[in-house]
């Protein structure tokens, strides 16, 4: 299947938010973020990192045609974690910037054509996290990660 759009975007405000759970309330964190995402974001990360990951999830879900208030189930089908880089493969332990990687699960995985991948770009500024998601050709390193 193909996506309905060639890009998706989202903004998540976090100004004044002190607890990541407030970003997704009334849903619990476990309903929106995968175990790996909670482990990664929970290690001394600020609310802006949680907001960036959430914005990326919304952008990907919108890209794949779930425009109308995506359910927690769809958000949890999108996993946003750092990708290994050429200079550092310690994504779990490294606190330096790594490009975000997208891994799709469930129904959303079937919405991406074989030979393509979903990529995201995340930015934070002035209490707002922004993300843009795009579909592009697969990269050689995508095969090892199982990305959609």
C-alpha atoms as a PDB file:
ATOM      1  CA  UNK A   1       0.000   0.000   0.000  1.00  0.00           C
ATOM      2  CA  UNK A   2       1.016   3.605  -0.317  1.00  0.00           C
ATOM      3  CA  UNK A   3       0.512   6.541   1.961  1.00  0.00           C
ATOM      4  CA  UNK A   4      -2.124   9.174   1.192  1.00  0.00           C
ATOM      5  CA  UNK A   5       0.369  12.022   1.319  1.00  0.00           C
ATOM      6  CA  UNK A   6       4.045  12.510   0.600  1.00  0.00           C
ATOM      7  CA  UNK A   7       4.627  14.129   3.984  1.00  0.00           C
ATOM      8  CA  UNK A   8       3.095  14.564   7.417  1.00  0.00           C
ATOM      9  CA  UNK A   9       3.815  17.098  10.124  1.00  0.00           C
ATOM     10  CA  UNK A  10       2.924  17.761  13.737  1.00  0.00           C
ATOM     11  CA  UNK A  11       3.596  20.206  16.546  1.00  0.00           C
ATOM     12  CA  UNK A  12       3.380  19.335  20.234  1.00  0.00           C
ATOM     13  CA  UNK A  13       3.482  22.201  22.760  1.00  0.00           C
ATOM     14  CA  UNK A  14       5.383  21.449  25.959  1.00  0.00           C
ATOM     15  CA  UNK A  15       5.814  24.899  27.541  1.00  0.00           C
ATOM     16  CA  UNK A  16       4.883  24.630  31.211  1.00  0.00           C
ATOM     17  CA  UNK A  17       4.616  20.823  31.056  1.00  0.00           C
ATOM     18  CA  UNK A  18       6.752  19.234  33.750  1.00  0.00           C
ATOM     19  CA  UNK A  19       5.721  15.590  33.441  1.00  0.00           C
ATOM     20  CA  UNK A  20       5.756  13.544  30.209  1.00  0.00           C
ATOM     21  CA  UNK A  21       2.459  11.925  31.213  1.00  0.00           C
ATOM     22  CA  UNK A  22       0.776  15.336  30.824  1.00  0.00           C
ATOM     23  CA  UNK A  23       1.712  15.326  27.114  1.00  0.00           C
ATOM     24  CA  UNK A  24      -0.487  12.294  26.437  1.00  0.00           C
ATOM     25  CA  UNK A  25      -3.151  12.632  29.167  1.00  0.00           C
ATOM     26  CA  UNK A  26      -5.672  11.164  29.623  1.00  0.00           C
ATOM     27  CA  UNK A  27      -3.852   8.193  28.046  1.00  0.00           C
ATOM     28  CA  UNK A  28      -1.101   6.469  30.038  1.00  0.00           C
ATOM     29  CA  UNK A  29       2.463   6.674  28.687  1.00  0.00           C
ATOM     30  CA  UNK A  30       2.399   2.906  28.078  1.00  0.00           C
ATOM     31  CA  UNK A  31      -0.461   3.333  25.588  1.00  0.00           C
ATOM     32  CA  UNK A  32       1.461   5.834  23.435  1.00  0.00           C
ATOM     33  CA  UNK A  33       5.167   5.034  23.829  1.00  0.00           C
ATOM     34  CA  UNK A  34       6.745   1.603  23.375  1.00  0.00           C
ATOM     35  CA  UNK A  35       8.820   0.062  26.144  1.00  0.00           C
ATOM     36  CA  UNK A  36      12.049   0.930  24.290  1.00  0.00           C
ATOM     37  CA  UNK A  37      10.927   4.549  23.834  1.00  0.00           C
ATOM     38  CA  UNK A  38      10.042   4.894  27.515  1.00  0.00           C
ATOM     39  CA  UNK A  39      13.426   3.468  28.505  1.00  0.00           C
ATOM     40  CA  UNK A  40      15.262   5.831  26.147  1.00  0.00           C
ATOM     41  CA  UNK A  41      13.264   8.940  27.104  1.00  0.00           C
ATOM     42  CA  UNK A  42      13.277   8.112  30.792  1.00  0.00           C
ATOM     43  CA  UNK A  43      17.064   8.317  31.132  1.00  0.00           C
ATOM     44  CA  UNK A  44      17.446  11.926  32.241  1.00  0.00           C
ATOM     45  CA  UNK A  45      15.706  13.318  29.181  1.00  0.00           C
ATOM     46  CA  UNK A  46      13.657  16.464  29.419  1.00  0.00           C
ATOM     47  CA  UNK A  47       9.993  16.873  28.518  1.00  0.00           C
ATOM     48  CA  UNK A  48      11.093  18.409  25.202  1.00  0.00           C
ATOM     49  CA  UNK A  49      12.531  15.033  24.149  1.00  0.00           C
ATOM     50  CA  UNK A  50       9.244  13.298  24.962  1.00  0.00           C
ATOM     51  CA  UNK A  51       7.376  16.019  23.040  1.00  0.00           C
ATOM     52  CA  UNK A  52       9.687  15.620  20.036  1.00  0.00           C
ATOM     53  CA  UNK A  53       9.140  11.878  19.950  1.00  0.00           C
ATOM     54  CA  UNK A  54       5.371  12.412  20.260  1.00  0.00           C
ATOM     55  CA  UNK A  55       5.388  14.988  17.438  1.00  0.00           C
ATOM     56  CA  UNK A  56       7.284  12.495  15.261  1.00  0.00           C
ATOM     57  CA  UNK A  57       4.700   9.798  16.000  1.00  0.00           C
ATOM     58  CA  UNK A  58       1.847  12.142  15.055  1.00  0.00           C
ATOM     59  CA  UNK A  59       3.656  13.189  11.865  1.00  0.00           C
ATOM     60  CA  UNK A  60       4.170   9.559  10.803  1.00  0.00           C
ATOM     61  CA  UNK A  61       0.581   8.574  11.613  1.00  0.00           C
ATOM     62  CA  UNK A  62      -0.701  11.538   9.574  1.00  0.00           C
ATOM     63  CA  UNK A  63       1.642  10.693   6.716  1.00  0.00           C
ATOM     64  CA  UNK A  64       0.180   7.201   6.612  1.00  0.00           C
ATOM     65  CA  UNK A  65      -3.415   8.411   6.446  1.00  0.00           C
ATOM     66  CA  UNK A  66      -4.579   8.497  10.048  1.00  0.00           C
ATOM     67  CA  UNK A  67      -5.355  12.222  10.067  1.00  0.00           C
ATOM     68  CA  UNK A  68      -8.282  12.268  12.433  1.00  0.00           C
ATOM     69  CA  UNK A  69      -7.133  12.106  16.068  1.00  0.00           C
ATOM     70  CA  UNK A  70      -5.076   8.905  15.913  1.00  0.00           C
ATOM     71  CA  UNK A  71      -5.805   6.430  18.626  1.00  0.00           C
ATOM     72  CA  UNK A  72      -3.189   5.394  21.128  1.00  0.00           C
ATOM     73  CA  UNK A  73      -3.020   2.048  19.328  1.00  0.00           C
ATOM     74  CA  UNK A  74      -1.819   3.739  16.149  1.00  0.00           C
ATOM     75  CA  UNK A  75       0.658   5.957  18.012  1.00  0.00           C
ATOM     76  CA  UNK A  76       2.179   2.906  19.677  1.00  0.00           C
ATOM     77  CA  UNK A  77       2.580   1.278  16.228  1.00  0.00           C
ATOM     78  CA  UNK A  78       5.165   3.980  15.470  1.00  0.00           C
ATOM     79  CA  UNK A  79       8.456   3.633  17.325  1.00  0.00           C
ATOM     80  CA  UNK A  80      10.902   6.546  17.205  1.00  0.00           C
ATOM     81  CA  UNK A  81      14.400   5.681  18.408  1.00  0.00           C
ATOM     82  CA  UNK A  82      17.911   6.895  17.555  1.00  0.00           C
ATOM     83  CA  UNK A  83      19.524   5.241  14.541  1.00  0.00           C
ATOM     84  CA  UNK A  84      23.101   4.034  14.621  1.00  0.00           C
ATOM     85  CA  UNK A  85      25.450   6.430  12.901  1.00  0.00           C
ATOM     86  CA  UNK A  86      28.668   5.872  10.999  1.00  0.00           C
ATOM     87  CA  UNK A  87      30.718   7.346  13.851  1.00  0.00           C
ATOM     88  CA  UNK A  88      28.818   5.839  16.800  1.00  0.00           C
ATOM     89  CA  UNK A  89      26.728   2.675  17.053  1.00  0.00           C
ATOM     90  CA  UNK A  90      26.013   3.108  20.782  1.00  0.00           C
ATOM     91  CA  UNK A  91      22.473   4.437  20.355  1.00  0.00           C
ATOM     92  CA  UNK A  92      21.272   3.197  23.739  1.00  0.00           C
ATOM     93  CA  UNK A  93      24.198   4.619  25.699  1.00  0.00           C
ATOM     94  CA  UNK A  94      25.144   7.672  23.645  1.00  0.00           C
ATOM     95  CA  UNK A  95      23.753  11.026  24.747  1.00  0.00           C
ATOM     96  CA  UNK A  96      24.921  12.821  21.604  1.00  0.00           C
ATOM     97  CA  UNK A  97      22.645  13.451  18.673  1.00  0.00           C
ATOM     98  CA  UNK A  98      21.721  10.503  16.497  1.00  0.00           C
ATOM     99  CA  UNK A  99      19.229  10.844  13.663  1.00  0.00           C
ATOM    100  CA  UNK A 100      15.802   9.501  14.605  1.00  0.00           C
ATOM    101  CA  UNK A 101      14.757   6.204  13.103  1.00  0.00           C
ATOM    102  CA  UNK A 102      11.200   5.053  12.477  1.00  0.00           C
ATOM    103  CA  UNK A 103      10.085   1.496  13.047  1.00  0.00           C
ATOM    104  CA  UNK A 104       6.495   0.628  12.145  1.00  0.00           C
ATOM    105  CA  UNK A 105       4.415  -2.133  13.703  1.00  0.00           C
ATOM    106  CA  UNK A 106       0.945  -3.552  13.145  1.00  0.00           C
ATOM    107  CA  UNK A 107      -1.360  -2.102  10.511  1.00  0.00           C
ATOM    108  CA  UNK A 108       0.870   0.900   9.825  1.00  0.00           C
ATOM    109  CA  UNK A 109       3.744  -1.306   8.684  1.00  0.00           C
ATOM    110  CA  UNK A 110       1.588  -2.543   5.800  1.00  0.00           C
ATOM    111  CA  UNK A 111       0.933   1.020   4.622  1.00  0.00           C
ATOM    112  CA  UNK A 112       4.486   1.536   3.355  1.00  0.00           C
ATOM    113  CA  UNK A 113       5.439   0.190  -0.055  1.00  0.00           C
ATOM    114  CA  UNK A 114       8.306  -2.322  -0.186  1.00  0.00           C
ATOM    115  CA  UNK A 115      11.560  -0.580  -1.097  1.00  0.00           C
ATOM    116  CA  UNK A 116      10.578   2.618   0.718  1.00  0.00           C
ATOM    117  CA  UNK A 117      11.109   3.909   4.218  1.00  0.00           C
ATOM    118  CA  UNK A 118       9.618   6.521   6.518  1.00  0.00           C
ATOM    119  CA  UNK A 119      12.018   9.134   7.843  1.00  0.00           C
ATOM    120  CA  UNK A 120      11.467  11.929  10.349  1.00  0.00           C
ATOM    121  CA  UNK A 121      13.093  15.172  11.331  1.00  0.00           C
ATOM    122  CA  UNK A 122      12.489  16.557  14.825  1.00  0.00           C
ATOM    123  CA  UNK A 123      13.147  20.036  16.198  1.00  0.00           C
ATOM    124  CA  UNK A 124      12.426  21.802  19.511  1.00  0.00           C
ATOM    125  CA  UNK A 125      12.056  25.530  20.077  1.00  0.00           C
ATOM    126  CA  UNK A 126      10.213  27.961  22.336  1.00  0.00           C
ATOM    127  CA  UNK A 127       8.146  25.335  24.094  1.00  0.00           C
ATOM    128  CA  UNK A 128       7.055  23.509  20.925  1.00  0.00           C
ATOM    129  CA  UNK A 129       8.375  20.308  19.370  1.00  0.00           C
ATOM    130  CA  UNK A 130       7.987  20.020  15.606  1.00  0.00           C
ATOM    131  CA  UNK A 131       8.337  16.980  13.364  1.00  0.00           C
ATOM    132  CA  UNK A 132       8.069  16.233   9.665  1.00  0.00           C
ATOM    133  CA  UNK A 133       7.753  12.714   8.259  1.00  0.00           C
ATOM    134  CA  UNK A 134       8.540  11.726   4.659  1.00  0.00           C
ATOM    135  CA  UNK A 135       8.488   8.580   2.556  1.00  0.00           C
ATOM    136  CA  UNK A 136      11.697   7.953   0.628  1.00  0.00           C
ATOM    137  CA  UNK A 137      13.677   5.153  -0.969  1.00  0.00           C
ATOM    138  CA  UNK A 138      15.118   2.605   1.442  1.00  0.00           C
ATOM    139  CA  UNK A 139      18.723   2.920   2.527  1.00  0.00           C
ATOM    140  CA  UNK A 140      21.084  -0.071   2.881  1.00  0.00           C
ATOM    141  CA  UNK A 141      21.091   0.251   6.681  1.00  0.00           C
ATOM    142  CA  UNK A 142      17.285   0.010   6.790  1.00  0.00           C
ATOM    143  CA  UNK A 143      17.418  -3.714   6.059  1.00  0.00           C
ATOM    144  CA  UNK A 144      19.150  -4.404   9.374  1.00  0.00           C
ATOM    145  CA  UNK A 145      16.613  -2.409  11.397  1.00  0.00           C
ATOM    146  CA  UNK A 146      13.381  -3.746   9.946  1.00  0.00           C
ATOM    147  CA  UNK A 147      12.106  -0.212   9.387  1.00  0.00           C
ATOM    148  CA  UNK A 148       9.073   0.447   7.351  1.00  0.00           C
END
